[in-house]
Amino acid sequence: MARAKKDNVPVSVRLEKGIFEKLSKFCEDSGQPKTVAVERALEMYIDDYYEKMGK
């Protein structure tokens, strides 16, 4: 059964080569698509920011 499509917005970013290589290796090792890895990382970073700011 196919997954339901989620509401999404295309994003384009430029990453330093070293960061991109780390991301690629992480995704290869973990079996996650880059989109999932980046979404999760951003979610954690943003949640942590607001938690530290007391919001």
PDB file of N, CA and C in Angstrom:
ATOM      1  N   MET A   1       0.847  -1.181   0.000  1.00  0.00           N
ATOM      2  CA  MET A   1       0.000   0.000   0.000  1.00  0.00           C
ATOM      3  C   MET A   1       0.892   1.245   0.000  1.00  0.00           C
ATOM      4  N   ALA A   2       0.603   2.193  -0.829  1.00  0.00           N
ATOM      5  CA  ALA A   2       1.390   3.419  -0.960  1.00  0.00           C
ATOM      6  C   ALA A   2       1.143   4.344   0.231  1.00  0.00           C
ATOM      7  N   ARG A   3       2.186   5.073   0.607  1.00  0.00           N
ATOM      8  CA  ARG A   3       2.053   6.047   1.689  1.00  0.00           C
ATOM      9  C   ARG A   3       1.243   7.244   1.211  1.00  0.00           C
ATOM     10  N   ALA A   4       0.505   7.839   2.127  1.00  0.00           N
ATOM     11  CA  ALA A   4      -0.230   9.055   1.804  1.00  0.00           C
ATOM     12  C   ALA A   4       0.778  10.186   1.615  1.00  0.00           C
ATOM     13  N   LYS A   5       0.523  11.032   0.639  1.00  0.00           N
ATOM     14  CA  LYS A   5       1.417  12.167   0.406  1.00  0.00           C
ATOM     15  C   LYS A   5       1.214  13.205   1.489  1.00  0.00           C
ATOM     16  N   LYS A   6       2.329  13.744   1.987  1.00  0.00           N
ATOM     17  CA  LYS A   6       2.238  14.774   3.005  1.00  0.00           C
ATOM     18  C   LYS A   6       2.320  16.139   2.342  1.00  0.00           C
ATOM     19  N   ASP A   7       1.740  17.109   3.015  1.00  0.00           N
ATOM     20  CA  ASP A   7       1.814  18.482   2.534  1.00  0.00           C
ATOM     21  C   ASP A   7       3.276  18.909   2.610  1.00  0.00           C
ATOM     22  N   ASN A   8       3.830  19.429   1.540  1.00  0.00           N
ATOM     23  CA  ASN A   8       5.245  19.781   1.553  1.00  0.00           C
ATOM     24  C   ASN A   8       5.522  21.023   0.721  1.00  0.00           C
ATOM     25  N   VAL A   9       6.699  21.566   0.931  1.00  0.00           N
ATOM     26  CA  VAL A   9       7.171  22.753   0.219  1.00  0.00           C
ATOM     27  C   VAL A   9       8.591  22.466  -0.241  1.00  0.00           C
ATOM     28  N   PRO A  10       8.886  22.638  -1.523  1.00  0.00           N
ATOM     29  CA  PRO A  10      10.261  22.416  -1.973  1.00  0.00           C
ATOM     30  C   PRO A  10      11.196  23.495  -1.436  1.00  0.00           C
ATOM     31  N   VAL A  11      12.399  23.070  -1.041  1.00  0.00           N
ATOM     32  CA  VAL A  11      13.393  23.984  -0.481  1.00  0.00           C
ATOM     33  C   VAL A  11      14.723  23.721  -1.172  1.00  0.00           C
ATOM     34  N   SER A  12      15.442  24.766  -1.456  1.00  0.00           N
ATOM     35  CA  SER A  12      16.764  24.635  -2.058  1.00  0.00           C
ATOM     36  C   SER A  12      17.773  25.309  -1.152  1.00  0.00           C
ATOM     37  N   VAL A  13      18.836  24.588  -0.802  1.00  0.00           N
ATOM     38  CA  VAL A  13      19.881  25.144   0.058  1.00  0.00           C
ATOM     39  C   VAL A  13      21.249  24.784  -0.515  1.00  0.00           C
ATOM     40  N   ARG A  14      22.232  25.554  -0.135  1.00  0.00           N
ATOM     41  CA  ARG A  14      23.622  25.240  -0.489  1.00  0.00           C
ATOM     42  C   ARG A  14      24.321  24.849   0.797  1.00  0.00           C
ATOM     43  N   LEU A  15      24.919  23.663   0.788  1.00  0.00           N
ATOM     44  CA  LEU A  15      25.633  23.165   1.949  1.00  0.00           C
ATOM     45  C   LEU A  15      27.121  23.119   1.659  1.00  0.00           C
ATOM     46  N   GLU A  16      27.912  23.303   2.703  1.00  0.00           N
ATOM     47  CA  GLU A  16      29.340  23.076   2.542  1.00  0.00           C
ATOM     48  C   GLU A  16      29.532  21.613   2.153  1.00  0.00           C
ATOM     49  N   LYS A  17      30.529  21.366   1.345  1.00  0.00           N
ATOM     50  CA  LYS A  17      30.767  20.024   0.833  1.00  0.00           C
ATOM     51  C   LYS A  17      30.922  19.002   1.959  1.00  0.00           C
ATOM     52  N   GLY A  18      31.662  19.370   3.016  1.00  0.00           N
ATOM     53  CA  GLY A  18      31.868  18.447   4.133  1.00  0.00           C
ATOM     54  C   GLY A  18      30.571  18.061   4.830  1.00  0.00           C
ATOM     55  N   ILE A  19      29.677  19.031   5.013  1.00  0.00           N
ATOM     56  CA  ILE A  19      28.384  18.757   5.646  1.00  0.00           C
ATOM     57  C   ILE A  19      27.549  17.856   4.746  1.00  0.00           C
ATOM     58  N   PHE A  20      27.560  18.132   3.455  1.00  0.00           N
ATOM     59  CA  PHE A  20      26.809  17.291   2.526  1.00  0.00           C
ATOM     60  C   PHE A  20      27.336  15.858   2.540  1.00  0.00           C
ATOM     61  N   GLU A  21      28.650  15.700   2.603  1.00  0.00           N
ATOM     62  CA  GLU A  21      29.231  14.357   2.637  1.00  0.00           C
ATOM     63  C   GLU A  21      28.842  13.622   3.914  1.00  0.00           C
ATOM     64  N   LYS A  22      28.827  14.341   5.056  1.00  0.00           N
ATOM     65  CA  LYS A  22      28.383  13.735   6.311  1.00  0.00           C
ATOM     66  C   LYS A  22      26.918  13.316   6.213  1.00  0.00           C
ATOM     67  N   LEU A  23      26.087  14.195   5.649  1.00  0.00           N
ATOM     68  CA  LEU A  23      24.668  13.889   5.480  1.00  0.00           C
ATOM     69  C   LEU A  23      24.490  12.664   4.593  1.00  0.00           C
ATOM     70  N   SER A  24      25.207  12.621   3.492  1.00  0.00           N
ATOM     71  CA  SER A  24      25.101  11.479   2.574  1.00  0.00           C
ATOM     72  C   SER A  24      25.505  10.180   3.253  1.00  0.00           C
ATOM     73  N   LYS A  25      26.613  10.208   4.005  1.00  0.00           N
ATOM     74  CA  LYS A  25      27.078   9.000   4.704  1.00  0.00           C
ATOM     75  C   LYS A  25      26.065   8.582   5.758  1.00  0.00           C
ATOM     76  N   PHE A  26      25.558   9.556   6.519  1.00  0.00           N
ATOM     77  CA  PHE A  26      24.552   9.251   7.535  1.00  0.00           C
ATOM     78  C   PHE A  26      23.333   8.581   6.908  1.00  0.00           C
ATOM     79  N   CYS A  27      22.865   9.138   5.802  1.00  0.00           N
ATOM     80  CA  CYS A  27      21.677   8.588   5.144  1.00  0.00           C
ATOM     81  C   CYS A  27      21.952   7.188   4.603  1.00  0.00           C
ATOM     82  N   GLU A  28      23.123   6.986   4.066  1.00  0.00           N
ATOM     83  CA  GLU A  28      23.493   5.663   3.566  1.00  0.00           C
ATOM     84  C   GLU A  28      23.552   4.659   4.722  1.00  0.00           C
ATOM     85  N   ASP A  29      24.187   5.048   5.829  1.00  0.00           N
ATOM     86  CA  ASP A  29      24.325   4.161   6.984  1.00  0.00           C
ATOM     87  C   ASP A  29      22.992   3.873   7.661  1.00  0.00           C
ATOM     88  N   SER A  30      22.131   4.880   7.747  1.00  0.00           N
ATOM     89  CA  SER A  30      20.864   4.731   8.473  1.00  0.00           C
ATOM     90  C   SER A  30      19.715   4.254   7.590  1.00  0.00           C
ATOM     91  N   GLY A  31      19.897   4.326   6.275  1.00  0.00           N
ATOM     92  CA  GLY A  31      18.831   3.904   5.360  1.00  0.00           C
ATOM     93  C   GLY A  31      17.706   4.917   5.234  1.00  0.00           C
ATOM     94  N   GLN A  32      17.957   6.147   5.630  1.00  0.00           N
ATOM     95  CA  GLN A  32      16.944   7.194   5.527  1.00  0.00           C
ATOM     96  C   GLN A  32      17.172   8.035   4.281  1.00  0.00           C
ATOM     97  N   PRO A  33      16.104   8.505   3.670  1.00  0.00           N
ATOM     98  CA  PRO A  33      16.272   9.494   2.603  1.00  0.00           C
ATOM     99  C   PRO A  33      16.784  10.810   3.196  1.00  0.00           C
ATOM    100  N   LYS A  34      17.450  11.602   2.390  1.00  0.00           N
ATOM    101  CA  LYS A  34      17.971  12.887   2.859  1.00  0.00           C
ATOM    102  C   LYS A  34      16.853  13.789   3.364  1.00  0.00           C
ATOM    103  N   THR A  35      15.705  13.762   2.705  1.00  0.00           N
ATOM    104  CA  THR A  35      14.584  14.601   3.141  1.00  0.00           C
ATOM    105  C   THR A  35      14.193  14.281   4.572  1.00  0.00           C
ATOM    106  N   VAL A  36      14.075  13.015   4.898  1.00  0.00           N
ATOM    107  CA  VAL A  36      13.684  12.605   6.250  1.00  0.00           C
ATOM    108  C   VAL A  36      14.741  13.026   7.254  1.00  0.00           C
ATOM    109  N   ALA A  37      16.007  12.803   6.937  1.00  0.00           N
ATOM    110  CA  ALA A  37      17.091  13.155   7.846  1.00  0.00           C
ATOM    111  C   ALA A  37      17.121  14.659   8.107  1.00  0.00           C
ATOM    112  N   VAL A  38      16.968  15.459   7.062  1.00  0.00           N
ATOM    113  CA  VAL A  38      17.004  16.915   7.222  1.00  0.00           C
ATOM    114  C   VAL A  38      15.778  17.398   7.991  1.00  0.00           C
ATOM    115  N   GLU A  39      14.602  16.856   7.685  1.00  0.00           N
ATOM    116  CA  GLU A  39      13.395  17.243   8.420  1.00  0.00           C
ATOM    117  C   GLU A  39      13.551  16.952   9.908  1.00  0.00           C
ATOM    118  N   ARG A  40      14.035  15.776  10.239  1.00  0.00           N
ATOM    119  CA  ARG A  40      14.198  15.398  11.641  1.00  0.00           C
ATOM    120  C   ARG A  40      15.243  16.281  12.331  1.00  0.00           C
ATOM    121  N   ALA A  41      16.344  16.537  11.659  1.00  0.00           N
ATOM    122  CA  ALA A  41      17.400  17.361  12.244  1.00  0.00           C
ATOM    123  C   ALA A  41      16.902  18.783  12.491  1.00  0.00           C
ATOM    124  N   LEU A  42      16.205  19.358  11.526  1.00  0.00           N
ATOM    125  CA  LEU A  42      15.670  20.713  11.690  1.00  0.00           C
ATOM    126  C   LEU A  42      14.643  20.760  12.814  1.00  0.00           C
ATOM    127  N   GLU A  43      13.776  19.775  12.868  1.00  0.00           N
ATOM    128  CA  GLU A  43      12.757  19.710  13.920  1.00  0.00           C
ATOM    129  C   GLU A  43      13.421  19.672  15.293  1.00  0.00           C
ATOM    130  N   MET A  44      14.439  18.838  15.459  1.00  0.00           N
ATOM    131  CA  MET A  44      15.141  18.743  16.734  1.00  0.00           C
ATOM    132  C   MET A  44      15.833  20.055  17.077  1.00  0.00           C
ATOM    133  N   TYR A  45      16.489  20.664  16.102  1.00  0.00           N
ATOM    134  CA  TYR A  45      17.219  21.913  16.323  1.00  0.00           C
ATOM    135  C   TYR A  45      16.267  23.038  16.736  1.00  0.00           C
ATOM    136  N   ILE A  46      15.172  23.164  16.029  1.00  0.00           N
ATOM    137  CA  ILE A  46      14.208  24.237  16.305  1.00  0.00           C
ATOM    138  C   ILE A  46      13.527  24.012  17.651  1.00  0.00           C
ATOM    139  N   ASP A  47      13.117  22.770  17.940  1.00  0.00           N
ATOM    140  CA  ASP A  47      12.501  22.467  19.232  1.00  0.00           C
ATOM    141  C   ASP A  47      13.468  22.774  20.374  1.00  0.00           C
ATOM    142  N   ASP A  48      14.733  22.406  20.200  1.00  0.00           N
ATOM    143  CA  ASP A  48      15.750  22.664  21.219  1.00  0.00           C
ATOM    144  C   ASP A  48      15.931  24.177  21.437  1.00  0.00           C
ATOM    145  N   TYR A  49      15.943  24.914  20.366  1.00  0.00           N
ATOM    146  CA  TYR A  49      16.079  26.373  20.463  1.00  0.00           C
ATOM    147  C   TYR A  49      14.963  26.962  21.317  1.00  0.00           C
ATOM    148  N   TYR A  50      13.732  26.601  20.996  1.00  0.00           N
ATOM    149  CA  TYR A  50      12.602  27.174  21.728  1.00  0.00           C
ATOM    150  C   TYR A  50      12.542  26.677  23.168  1.00  0.00           C
ATOM    151  N   GLU A  51      12.976  25.453  23.395  1.00  0.00           N
ATOM    152  CA  GLU A  51      13.025  24.942  24.754  1.00  0.00           C
ATOM    153  C   GLU A  51      14.033  25.738  25.585  1.00  0.00           C
ATOM    154  N   LYS A  52      15.177  26.030  24.995  1.00  0.00           N
ATOM    155  CA  LYS A  52      16.199  26.808  25.706  1.00  0.00           C
ATOM    156  C   LYS A  52      15.783  28.252  25.915  1.00  0.00           C
ATOM    157  N   MET A  53      14.977  28.777  25.021  1.00  0.00           N
ATOM    158  CA  MET A  53      14.498  30.160  25.135  1.00  0.00           C
ATOM    159  C   MET A  53      13.298  30.253  26.073  1.00  0.00           C
ATOM    160  N   GLY A  54      12.803  29.114  26.520  1.00  0.00           N
ATOM    161  CA  GLY A  54      11.670  29.102  27.450  1.00  0.00           C
ATOM    162  C   GLY A  54      10.348  29.416  26.795  1.00  0.00           C
ATOM    163  N   LYS A  55      10.229  29.103  25.531  1.00  0.00           N
ATOM    164  CA  LYS A  55       8.982  29.400  24.813  1.00  0.00           C
ATOM    165  C   LYS A  55       8.216  28.136  24.535  1.00  0.00           C
TER     166      LYS A  55
END
